[in-house]
PDB file of N, CA and C in Angstrom:
ATOM      1  N   MET A   1      21.355  19.809 -19.230  1.00  0.00           N
ATOM      2  CA  MET A   1      20.884  18.441 -19.267  1.00  0.00           C
ATOM      3  C   MET A   1      20.821  17.973 -20.727  1.00  0.00           C
ATOM      4  N   GLU A   2      21.291  16.766 -20.971  1.00  0.00           N
ATOM      5  CA  GLU A   2      21.305  16.219 -22.323  1.00  0.00           C
ATOM      6  C   GLU A   2      19.895  15.899 -22.811  1.00  0.00           C
ATOM      7  N   GLU A   3      19.717  16.079 -24.111  1.00  0.00           N
ATOM      8  CA  GLU A   3      18.439  15.737 -24.744  1.00  0.00           C
ATOM      9  C   GLU A   3      18.292  14.217 -24.781  1.00  0.00           C
ATOM     10  N   ILE A   4      17.114  13.754 -24.442  1.00  0.00           N
ATOM     11  CA  ILE A   4      16.835  12.314 -24.473  1.00  0.00           C
ATOM     12  C   ILE A   4      16.555  11.918 -25.920  1.00  0.00           C
ATOM     13  N   PRO A   5      17.183  10.840 -26.396  1.00  0.00           N
ATOM     14  CA  PRO A   5      16.952  10.394 -27.774  1.00  0.00           C
ATOM     15  C   PRO A   5      15.472  10.115 -28.043  1.00  0.00           C
ATOM     16  N   ALA A   6      15.060  10.406 -29.269  1.00  0.00           N
ATOM     17  CA  ALA A   6      13.654  10.261 -29.667  1.00  0.00           C
ATOM     18  C   ALA A   6      13.137   8.840 -29.479  1.00  0.00           C
ATOM     19  N   ASP A   7      13.978   7.841 -29.735  1.00  0.00           N
ATOM     20  CA  ASP A   7      13.507   6.459 -29.586  1.00  0.00           C
ATOM     21  C   ASP A   7      13.214   6.121 -28.130  1.00  0.00           C
ATOM     22  N   LEU A   8      14.002   6.691 -27.211  1.00  0.00           N
ATOM     23  CA  LEU A   8      13.728   6.466 -25.785  1.00  0.00           C
ATOM     24  C   LEU A   8      12.466   7.199 -25.350  1.00  0.00           C
ATOM     25  N   LYS A   9      12.268   8.406 -25.889  1.00  0.00           N
ATOM     26  CA  LYS A   9      11.039   9.150 -25.581  1.00  0.00           C
ATOM     27  C   LYS A   9       9.812   8.380 -26.064  1.00  0.00           C
ATOM     28  N   GLU A  10       9.919   7.807 -27.247  1.00  0.00           N
ATOM     29  CA  GLU A  10       8.800   7.040 -27.808  1.00  0.00           C
ATOM     30  C   GLU A  10       8.524   5.801 -26.961  1.00  0.00           C
ATOM     31  N   LEU A  11       9.572   5.129 -26.531  1.00  0.00           N
ATOM     32  CA  LEU A  11       9.422   3.948 -25.677  1.00  0.00           C
ATOM     33  C   LEU A  11       8.742   4.331 -24.364  1.00  0.00           C
ATOM     34  N   TYR A  12       9.166   5.462 -23.798  1.00  0.00           N
ATOM     35  CA  TYR A  12       8.550   5.942 -22.559  1.00  0.00           C
ATOM     36  C   TYR A  12       7.071   6.253 -22.784  1.00  0.00           C
ATOM     37  N   LYS A  13       6.773   6.940 -23.882  1.00  0.00           N
ATOM     38  CA  LYS A  13       5.388   7.304 -24.208  1.00  0.00           C
ATOM     39  C   LYS A  13       4.495   6.067 -24.264  1.00  0.00           C
ATOM     40  N   GLU A  14       5.017   4.994 -24.843  1.00  0.00           N
ATOM     41  CA  GLU A  14       4.252   3.753 -24.950  1.00  0.00           C
ATOM     42  C   GLU A  14       3.967   3.130 -23.584  1.00  0.00           C
ATOM     43  N   LYS A  15       4.806   3.426 -22.602  1.00  0.00           N
ATOM     44  CA  LYS A  15       4.641   2.853 -21.261  1.00  0.00           C
ATOM     45  C   LYS A  15       3.698   3.661 -20.367  1.00  0.00           C
ATOM     46  N   ILE A  16       3.391   4.884 -20.757  1.00  0.00           N
ATOM     47  CA  ILE A  16       2.571   5.752 -19.906  1.00  0.00           C
ATOM     48  C   ILE A  16       1.200   5.160 -19.586  1.00  0.00           C
ATOM     49  N   PRO A  17       0.437   4.657 -20.555  1.00  0.00           N
ATOM     50  CA  PRO A  17      -0.867   4.073 -20.191  1.00  0.00           C
ATOM     51  C   PRO A  17      -0.744   2.952 -19.151  1.00  0.00           C
ATOM     52  N   GLY A  18       0.289   2.135 -19.251  1.00  0.00           N
ATOM     53  CA  GLY A  18       0.504   1.074 -18.267  1.00  0.00           C
ATOM     54  C   GLY A  18       0.839   1.633 -16.897  1.00  0.00           C
ATOM     55  N   LYS A  19       1.614   2.715 -16.866  1.00  0.00           N
ATOM     56  CA  LYS A  19       1.958   3.356 -15.594  1.00  0.00           C
ATOM     57  C   LYS A  19       0.695   3.913 -14.927  1.00  0.00           C
ATOM     58  N   ILE A  20      -0.168   4.515 -15.738  1.00  0.00           N
ATOM     59  CA  ILE A  20      -1.423   5.056 -15.206  1.00  0.00           C
ATOM     60  C   ILE A  20      -2.280   3.928 -14.637  1.00  0.00           C
ATOM     61  N   GLU A  21      -2.370   2.832 -15.351  1.00  0.00           N
ATOM     62  CA  GLU A  21      -3.172   1.697 -14.868  1.00  0.00           C
ATOM     63  C   GLU A  21      -2.565   1.068 -13.620  1.00  0.00           C
ATOM     64  N   THR A  22      -1.241   1.035 -13.538  1.00  0.00           N
ATOM     65  CA  THR A  22      -0.589   0.527 -12.326  1.00  0.00           C
ATOM     66  C   THR A  22      -0.974   1.381 -11.127  1.00  0.00           C
ATOM     67  N   ILE A  23      -0.923   2.693 -11.294  1.00  0.00           N
ATOM     68  CA  ILE A  23      -1.298   3.594 -10.199  1.00  0.00           C
ATOM     69  C   ILE A  23      -2.776   3.440  -9.871  1.00  0.00           C
ATOM     70  N   ARG A  24      -3.612   3.294 -10.884  1.00  0.00           N
ATOM     71  CA  ARG A  24      -5.048   3.097 -10.639  1.00  0.00           C
ATOM     72  C   ARG A  24      -5.268   1.828  -9.801  1.00  0.00           C
ATOM     73  N   GLY A  25      -4.572   0.759 -10.143  1.00  0.00           N
ATOM     74  CA  GLY A  25      -4.687  -0.488  -9.385  1.00  0.00           C
ATOM     75  C   GLY A  25      -4.202  -0.336  -7.954  1.00  0.00           C
ATOM     76  N   LEU A  26      -3.073   0.355  -7.774  1.00  0.00           N
ATOM     77  CA  LEU A  26      -2.541   0.577  -6.425  1.00  0.00           C
ATOM     78  C   LEU A  26      -3.472   1.471  -5.614  1.00  0.00           C
ATOM     79  N   LEU A  27      -4.059   2.459  -6.263  1.00  0.00           N
ATOM     80  CA  LEU A  27      -5.005   3.356  -5.595  1.00  0.00           C
ATOM     81  C   LEU A  27      -6.244   2.589  -5.151  1.00  0.00           C
ATOM     82  N   ASN A  28      -6.751   1.735  -6.021  1.00  0.00           N
ATOM     83  CA  ASN A  28      -7.910   0.914  -5.654  1.00  0.00           C
ATOM     84  C   ASN A  28      -7.569  -0.044  -4.519  1.00  0.00           C
ATOM     85  N   ALA A  29      -6.385  -0.642  -4.572  1.00  0.00           N
ATOM     86  CA  ALA A  29      -5.958  -1.561  -3.510  1.00  0.00           C
ATOM     87  C   ALA A  29      -5.841  -0.824  -2.182  1.00  0.00           C
ATOM     88  N   TYR A  30      -5.300   0.388  -2.220  1.00  0.00           N
ATOM     89  CA  TYR A  30      -5.176   1.183  -0.999  1.00  0.00           C
ATOM     90  C   TYR A  30      -6.553   1.566  -0.462  1.00  0.00           C
ATOM     91  N   GLY A  31      -7.487   1.848  -1.358  1.00  0.00           N
ATOM     92  CA  GLY A  31      -8.846   2.187  -0.930  1.00  0.00           C
ATOM     93  C   GLY A  31      -9.545   1.027  -0.249  1.00  0.00           C
ATOM     94  N   ILE A  32      -9.257  -0.186  -0.703  1.00  0.00           N
ATOM     95  CA  ILE A  32      -9.863  -1.382  -0.115  1.00  0.00           C
ATOM     96  C   ILE A  32      -9.195  -1.749   1.199  1.00  0.00           C
ATOM     97  N   ASP A  33      -7.875  -1.647   1.239  1.00  0.00           N
ATOM     98  CA  ASP A  33      -7.110  -2.060   2.419  1.00  0.00           C
ATOM     99  C   ASP A  33      -5.984  -1.054   2.656  1.00  0.00           C
ATOM    100  N   PRO A  34      -6.277   0.035   3.372  1.00  0.00           N
ATOM    101  CA  PRO A  34      -5.304   1.114   3.532  1.00  0.00           C
ATOM    102  C   PRO A  34      -4.174   0.793   4.521  1.00  0.00           C
ATOM    103  N   THR A  35      -3.371  -0.184   4.159  1.00  0.00           N
ATOM    104  CA  THR A  35      -2.238  -0.563   5.003  1.00  0.00           C
ATOM    105  C   THR A  35      -1.027   0.302   4.666  1.00  0.00           C
ATOM    106  N   GLU A  36      -0.044   0.261   5.534  1.00  0.00           N
ATOM    107  CA  GLU A  36       1.207   0.983   5.305  1.00  0.00           C
ATOM    108  C   GLU A  36       1.896   0.473   4.037  1.00  0.00           C
ATOM    109  N   THR A  37       1.843  -0.826   3.816  1.00  0.00           N
ATOM    110  CA  THR A  37       2.457  -1.421   2.625  1.00  0.00           C
ATOM    111  C   THR A  37       1.787  -0.904   1.353  1.00  0.00           C
ATOM    112  N   ALA A  38       0.461  -0.857   1.346  1.00  0.00           N
ATOM    113  CA  ALA A  38      -0.278  -0.361   0.179  1.00  0.00           C
ATOM    114  C   ALA A  38       0.017   1.120  -0.052  1.00  0.00           C
ATOM    115  N   TYR A  39       0.097   1.881   1.033  1.00  0.00           N
ATOM    116  CA  TYR A  39       0.412   3.308   0.950  1.00  0.00           C
ATOM    117  C   TYR A  39       1.791   3.520   0.323  1.00  0.00           C
ATOM    118  N   LYS A  40       2.780   2.794   0.837  1.00  0.00           N
ATOM    119  CA  LYS A  40       4.146   2.961   0.335  1.00  0.00           C
ATOM    120  C   LYS A  40       4.253   2.589  -1.141  1.00  0.00           C
ATOM    121  N   ALA A  41       3.603   1.505  -1.531  1.00  0.00           N
ATOM    122  CA  ALA A  41       3.646   1.081  -2.935  1.00  0.00           C
ATOM    123  C   ALA A  41       3.050   2.163  -3.840  1.00  0.00           C
ATOM    124  N   LEU A  42       1.920   2.733  -3.426  1.00  0.00           N
ATOM    125  CA  LEU A  42       1.263   3.787  -4.193  1.00  0.00           C
ATOM    126  C   LEU A  42       2.140   5.035  -4.253  1.00  0.00           C
ATOM    127  N   TYR A  43       2.657   5.444  -3.112  1.00  0.00           N
ATOM    128  CA  TYR A  43       3.477   6.651  -3.040  1.00  0.00           C
ATOM    129  C   TYR A  43       4.730   6.523  -3.907  1.00  0.00           C
ATOM    130  N   ILE A  44       5.408   5.398  -3.802  1.00  0.00           N
ATOM    131  CA  ILE A  44       6.648   5.192  -4.560  1.00  0.00           C
ATOM    132  C   ILE A  44       6.374   5.229  -6.060  1.00  0.00           C
ATOM    133  N   GLU A  45       5.308   4.584  -6.490  1.00  0.00           N
ATOM    134  CA  GLU A  45       4.988   4.550  -7.924  1.00  0.00           C
ATOM    135  C   GLU A  45       4.666   5.951  -8.445  1.00  0.00           C
ATOM    136  N   ILE A  46       3.895   6.717  -7.684  1.00  0.00           N
ATOM    137  CA  ILE A  46       3.568   8.089  -8.085  1.00  0.00           C
ATOM    138  C   ILE A  46       4.832   8.942  -8.114  1.00  0.00           C
ATOM    139  N   HIS A  47       5.671   8.798  -7.105  1.00  0.00           N
ATOM    140  CA  HIS A  47       6.910   9.574  -7.016  1.00  0.00           C
ATOM    141  C   HIS A  47       7.827   9.292  -8.213  1.00  0.00           C
ATOM    142  N   LYS A  48       8.009   8.026  -8.535  1.00  0.00           N
ATOM    143  CA  LYS A  48       8.870   7.653  -9.669  1.00  0.00           C
ATOM    144  C   LYS A  48       8.303   8.179 -10.990  1.00  0.00           C
ATOM    145  N   PHE A  49       7.012   8.031 -11.173  1.00  0.00           N
ATOM    146  CA  PHE A  49       6.356   8.475 -12.405  1.00  0.00           C
ATOM    147  C   PHE A  49       6.451   9.996 -12.539  1.00  0.00           C
ATOM    148  N   ALA A  50       6.282  10.714 -11.429  1.00  0.00           N
ATOM    149  CA  ALA A  50       6.370  12.176 -11.458  1.00  0.00           C
ATOM    150  C   ALA A  50       7.744  12.623 -11.950  1.00  0.00           C
ATOM    151  N   GLY A  51       8.782  11.994 -11.440  1.00  0.00           N
ATOM    152  CA  GLY A  51      10.138  12.353 -11.845  1.00  0.00           C
ATOM    153  C   GLY A  51      10.420  12.013 -13.298  1.00  0.00           C
ATOM    154  N   SER A  52      10.057  10.819 -13.698  1.00  0.00           N
ATOM    155  CA  SER A  52      10.354  10.397 -15.070  1.00  0.00           C
ATOM    156  C   SER A  52       9.515  11.170 -16.086  1.00  0.00           C
ATOM    157  N   ALA A  53       8.285  11.507 -15.743  1.00  0.00           N
ATOM    158  CA  ALA A  53       7.436  12.265 -16.672  1.00  0.00           C
ATOM    159  C   ALA A  53       8.069  13.611 -17.006  1.00  0.00           C
ATOM    160  N   GLY A  54       8.586  14.280 -16.003  1.00  0.00           N
ATOM    161  CA  GLY A  54       9.259  15.552 -16.243  1.00  0.00           C
ATOM    162  C   GLY A  54      10.510  15.386 -17.089  1.00  0.00           C
ATOM    163  N   THR A  55      11.277  14.359 -16.803  1.00  0.00           N
ATOM    164  CA  THR A  55      12.513  14.091 -17.534  1.00  0.00           C
ATOM    165  C   THR A  55      12.249  13.810 -19.007  1.00  0.00           C
ATOM    166  N   TYR A  56      11.172  13.099 -19.290  1.00  0.00           N
ATOM    167  CA  TYR A  56      10.876  12.692 -20.664  1.00  0.00           C
ATOM    168  C   TYR A  56       9.981  13.676 -21.419  1.00  0.00           C
ATOM    169  N   GLY A  57       9.788  14.864 -20.872  1.00  0.00           N
ATOM    170  CA  GLY A  57       9.084  15.899 -21.620  1.00  0.00           C
ATOM    171  C   GLY A  57       7.589  15.989 -21.401  1.00  0.00           C
ATOM    172  N   TYR A  58       7.132  15.553 -20.245  1.00  0.00           N
ATOM    173  CA  TYR A  58       5.706  15.638 -19.917  1.00  0.00           C
ATOM    174  C   TYR A  58       5.524  16.459 -18.631  1.00  0.00           C
ATOM    175  N   PRO A  59       5.800  17.776 -18.689  1.00  0.00           N
ATOM    176  CA  PRO A  59       5.723  18.587 -17.471  1.00  0.00           C
ATOM    177  C   PRO A  59       4.324  18.648 -16.861  1.00  0.00           C
ATOM    178  N   GLU A  60       3.287  18.620 -17.700  1.00  0.00           N
ATOM    179  CA  GLU A  60       1.922  18.676 -17.159  1.00  0.00           C
ATOM    180  C   GLU A  60       1.604  17.403 -16.377  1.00  0.00           C
ATOM    181  N   LEU A  61       2.029  16.256 -16.904  1.00  0.00           N
ATOM    182  CA  LEU A  61       1.824  14.999 -16.180  1.00  0.00           C
ATOM    183  C   LEU A  61       2.587  15.032 -14.866  1.00  0.00           C
ATOM    184  N   SER A  62       3.818  15.510 -14.922  1.00  0.00           N
ATOM    185  CA  SER A  62       4.639  15.584 -13.719  1.00  0.00           C
ATOM    186  C   SER A  62       3.973  16.465 -12.657  1.00  0.00           C
ATOM    187  N   LYS A  63       3.405  17.582 -13.094  1.00  0.00           N
ATOM    188  CA  LYS A  63       2.734  18.499 -12.158  1.00  0.00           C
ATOM    189  C   LYS A  63       1.539  17.813 -11.482  1.00  0.00           C
ATOM    190  N   ILE A  64       0.733  17.109 -12.264  1.00  0.00           N
ATOM    191  CA  ILE A  64      -0.424  16.400 -11.705  1.00  0.00           C
ATOM    192  C   ILE A  64       0.044  15.335 -10.717  1.00  0.00           C
ATOM    193  N   LEU A  65       1.079  14.605 -11.097  1.00  0.00           N
ATOM    194  CA  LEU A  65       1.604  13.555 -10.219  1.00  0.00           C
ATOM    195  C   LEU A  65       2.193  14.135  -8.941  1.00  0.00           C
ATOM    196  N   ARG A  66       2.856  15.274  -9.026  1.00  0.00           N
ATOM    197  CA  ARG A  66       3.401  15.921  -7.813  1.00  0.00           C
ATOM    198  C   ARG A  66       2.256  16.343  -6.885  1.00  0.00           C
ATOM    199  N   THR A  67       1.160  16.811  -7.466  1.00  0.00           N
ATOM    200  CA  THR A  67      -0.007  17.160  -6.653  1.00  0.00           C
ATOM    201  C   THR A  67      -0.550  15.917  -5.957  1.00  0.00           C
ATOM    202  N   MET A  68      -0.605  14.810  -6.686  1.00  0.00           N
ATOM    203  CA  MET A  68      -1.065  13.551  -6.082  1.00  0.00           C
ATOM    204  C   MET A  68      -0.119  13.126  -4.961  1.00  0.00           C
ATOM    205  N   GLU A  69       1.168  13.301  -5.192  1.00  0.00           N
ATOM    206  CA  GLU A  69       2.170  12.951  -4.185  1.00  0.00           C
ATOM    207  C   GLU A  69       1.963  13.777  -2.915  1.00  0.00           C
ATOM    208  N   GLU A  70       1.726  15.069  -3.082  1.00  0.00           N
ATOM    209  CA  GLU A  70       1.484  15.937  -1.926  1.00  0.00           C
ATOM    210  C   GLU A  70       0.204  15.536  -1.195  1.00  0.00           C
ATOM    211  N   THR A  71      -0.826  15.160  -1.936  1.00  0.00           N
ATOM    212  CA  THR A  71      -2.075  14.705  -1.322  1.00  0.00           C
ATOM    213  C   THR A  71      -1.825  13.476  -0.464  1.00  0.00           C
ATOM    214  N   LEU A  72      -0.975  12.583  -0.944  1.00  0.00           N
ATOM    215  CA  LEU A  72      -0.673  11.370  -0.180  1.00  0.00           C
ATOM    216  C   LEU A  72       0.101  11.661   1.097  1.00  0.00           C
ATOM    217  N   LYS A  73       0.776  12.792   1.146  1.00  0.00           N
ATOM    218  CA  LYS A  73       1.543  13.143   2.344  1.00  0.00           C
ATOM    219  C   LYS A  73       0.645  13.637   3.482  1.00  0.00           C
ATOM    220  N   LEU A  74      -0.627  13.883   3.184  1.00  0.00           N
ATOM    221  CA  LEU A  74      -1.552  14.355   4.212  1.00  0.00           C
ATOM    222  C   LEU A  74      -1.722  13.304   5.296  1.00  0.00           C
ATOM    223  N   GLU A  75      -2.147  13.734   6.451  1.00  0.00           N
ATOM    224  CA  GLU A  75      -2.276  12.835   7.598  1.00  0.00           C
ATOM    225  C   GLU A  75      -3.250  11.689   7.342  1.00  0.00           C
ATOM    226  N   LEU A  76      -4.353  11.948   6.665  1.00  0.00           N
ATOM    227  CA  LEU A  76      -5.357  10.914   6.406  1.00  0.00           C
ATOM    228  C   LEU A  76      -5.607  10.790   4.907  1.00  0.00           C
ATOM    229  N   PRO A  77      -4.626  10.295   4.144  1.00  0.00           N
ATOM    230  CA  PRO A  77      -4.791  10.261   2.694  1.00  0.00           C
ATOM    231  C   PRO A  77      -5.941   9.395   2.215  1.00  0.00           C
ATOM    232  N   GLN A  78      -6.359   8.393   3.008  1.00  0.00           N
ATOM    233  CA  GLN A  78      -7.463   7.540   2.548  1.00  0.00           C
ATOM    234  C   GLN A  78      -8.756   8.338   2.401  1.00  0.00           C
ATOM    235  N   LYS A  79      -8.869   9.466   3.110  1.00  0.00           N
ATOM    236  CA  LYS A  79     -10.051  10.314   2.967  1.00  0.00           C
ATOM    237  C   LYS A  79      -9.978  11.159   1.695  1.00  0.00           C
ATOM    238  N   LYS A  80      -8.851  11.140   1.030  1.00  0.00           N
ATOM    239  CA  LYS A  80      -8.651  11.913  -0.194  1.00  0.00           C
ATOM    240  C   LYS A  80      -8.667  11.025  -1.432  1.00  0.00           C
ATOM    241  N   LEU A  81      -9.155   9.801  -1.317  1.00  0.00           N
ATOM    242  CA  LEU A  81      -9.128   8.866  -2.440  1.00  0.00           C
ATOM    243  C   LEU A  81      -9.883   9.386  -3.658  1.00  0.00           C
ATOM    244  N   ASP A  82     -11.035   9.998  -3.445  1.00  0.00           N
ATOM    245  CA  ASP A  82     -11.794  10.532  -4.586  1.00  0.00           C
ATOM    246  C   ASP A  82     -10.997  11.618  -5.308  1.00  0.00           C
ATOM    247  N   GLU A  83     -10.331  12.464  -4.524  1.00  0.00           N
ATOM    248  CA  GLU A  83      -9.498  13.514  -5.117  1.00  0.00           C
ATOM    249  C   GLU A  83      -8.346  12.897  -5.920  1.00  0.00           C
ATOM    250  N   LEU A  84      -7.741  11.867  -5.368  1.00  0.00           N
ATOM    251  CA  LEU A  84      -6.650  11.185  -6.067  1.00  0.00           C
ATOM    252  C   LEU A  84      -7.147  10.521  -7.355  1.00  0.00           C
ATOM    253  N   LYS A  85      -8.325   9.943  -7.306  1.00  0.00           N
ATOM    254  CA  LYS A  85      -8.887   9.309  -8.505  1.00  0.00           C
ATOM    255  C   LYS A  85      -9.191  10.351  -9.581  1.00  0.00           C
ATOM    256  N   ARG A  86      -9.691  11.516  -9.169  1.00  0.00           N
ATOM    257  CA  ARG A  86      -9.942  12.598 -10.133  1.00  0.00           C
ATOM    258  C   ARG A  86      -8.624  13.072 -10.753  1.00  0.00           C
ATOM    259  N   SER A  87      -7.598  13.163  -9.920  1.00  0.00           N
ATOM    260  CA  SER A  87      -6.284  13.563 -10.431  1.00  0.00           C
ATOM    261  C   SER A  87      -5.758  12.549 -11.433  1.00  0.00           C
ATOM    262  N   LEU A  88      -5.983  11.285 -11.164  1.00  0.00           N
ATOM    263  CA  LEU A  88      -5.536  10.237 -12.076  1.00  0.00           C
ATOM    264  C   LEU A  88      -6.283  10.322 -13.409  1.00  0.00           C
ATOM    265  N   ASP A  89      -7.574  10.602 -13.353  1.00  0.00           N
ATOM    266  CA  ASP A  89      -8.347  10.799 -14.586  1.00  0.00           C
ATOM    267  C   ASP A  89      -7.820  12.010 -15.361  1.00  0.00           C
ATOM    268  N   GLN A  90      -7.498  13.076 -14.630  1.00  0.00           N
ATOM    269  CA  GLN A  90      -6.943  14.283 -15.240  1.00  0.00           C
ATOM    270  C   GLN A  90      -5.591  13.964 -15.890  1.00  0.00           C
ATOM    271  N   LEU A  91      -4.803  13.147 -15.228  1.00  0.00           N
ATOM    272  CA  LEU A  91      -3.512  12.725 -15.756  1.00  0.00           C
ATOM    273  C   LEU A  91      -3.688  11.990 -17.081  1.00  0.00           C
ATOM    274  N   GLN A  92      -4.626  11.080 -17.110  1.00  0.00           N
ATOM    275  CA  GLN A  92      -4.874  10.305 -18.321  1.00  0.00           C
ATOM    276  C   GLN A  92      -5.350  11.213 -19.462  1.00  0.00           C
ATOM    277  N   GLU A  93      -6.248  12.136 -19.156  1.00  0.00           N
ATOM    278  CA  GLU A  93      -6.741  13.074 -20.171  1.00  0.00           C
ATOM    279  C   GLU A  93      -5.612  13.956 -20.698  1.00  0.00           C
ATOM    280  N   SER A  94      -4.751  14.397 -19.800  1.00  0.00           N
ATOM    281  CA  SER A  94      -3.627  15.236 -20.196  1.00  0.00           C
ATOM    282  C   SER A  94      -2.692  14.479 -21.129  1.00  0.00           C
ATOM    283  N   PHE A  95      -2.433  13.232 -20.813  1.00  0.00           N
ATOM    284  CA  PHE A  95      -1.572  12.416 -21.674  1.00  0.00           C
ATOM    285  C   PHE A  95      -2.192  12.248 -23.056  1.00  0.00           C
ATOM    286  N   LEU A  96      -3.474  11.971 -23.097  1.00  0.00           N
ATOM    287  CA  LEU A  96      -4.142  11.762 -24.380  1.00  0.00           C
ATOM    288  C   LEU A  96      -4.120  13.029 -25.237  1.00  0.00           C
ATOM    289  N   ARG A  97      -4.196  14.194 -24.592  1.00  0.00           N
ATOM    290  CA  ARG A  97      -4.107  15.463 -25.327  1.00  0.00           C
ATOM    291  C   ARG A  97      -2.691  15.686 -25.859  1.00  0.00           C
ATOM    292  N   HIS A  98      -1.714  15.197 -25.120  1.00  0.00           N
ATOM    293  CA  HIS A  98      -0.301  15.407 -25.466  1.00  0.00           C
ATOM    294  C   HIS A  98       0.121  14.557 -26.654  1.00  0.00           C
ATOM    295  N   GLU A  99      -0.579  13.458 -26.903  1.00  0.00           N
ATOM    296  CA  GLU A  99      -0.201  12.530 -27.985  1.00  0.00           C
ATOM    297  C   GLU A  99      -0.254  13.173 -29.341  1.00  0.00           C
TER     298      GLU A  99
END
C-alpha cells in the first residue's frame, strides 16, 4: 500500500474532531429518536470513519470505531447508548494523545 502524503494526513487530522462531533450528534439523535434512518446514519458514519482512520495512520481510533460498529450490530443497540458514548469519549481521548 502506498504511503499517504504528509499534507493529506495533516488535512485528515484536522478533520478528526469534526468527525467525532458528527458521530456524537448522530448518537444523541439516535438516543432521542431511535428510528431506522437515525441508526443507518450513525452506523454509516462510524463505518466510514473506522476505515479512514486506519488508512490515515490511526489504528487505535480505528479499533475503537470497529468496536462501536460491532455494538451497533447488536439486536437492541439503543440499550447500548451509554457504552457507545463511553467509546466515543475514549476515541476522543485517544486522538488527543496521538497529537
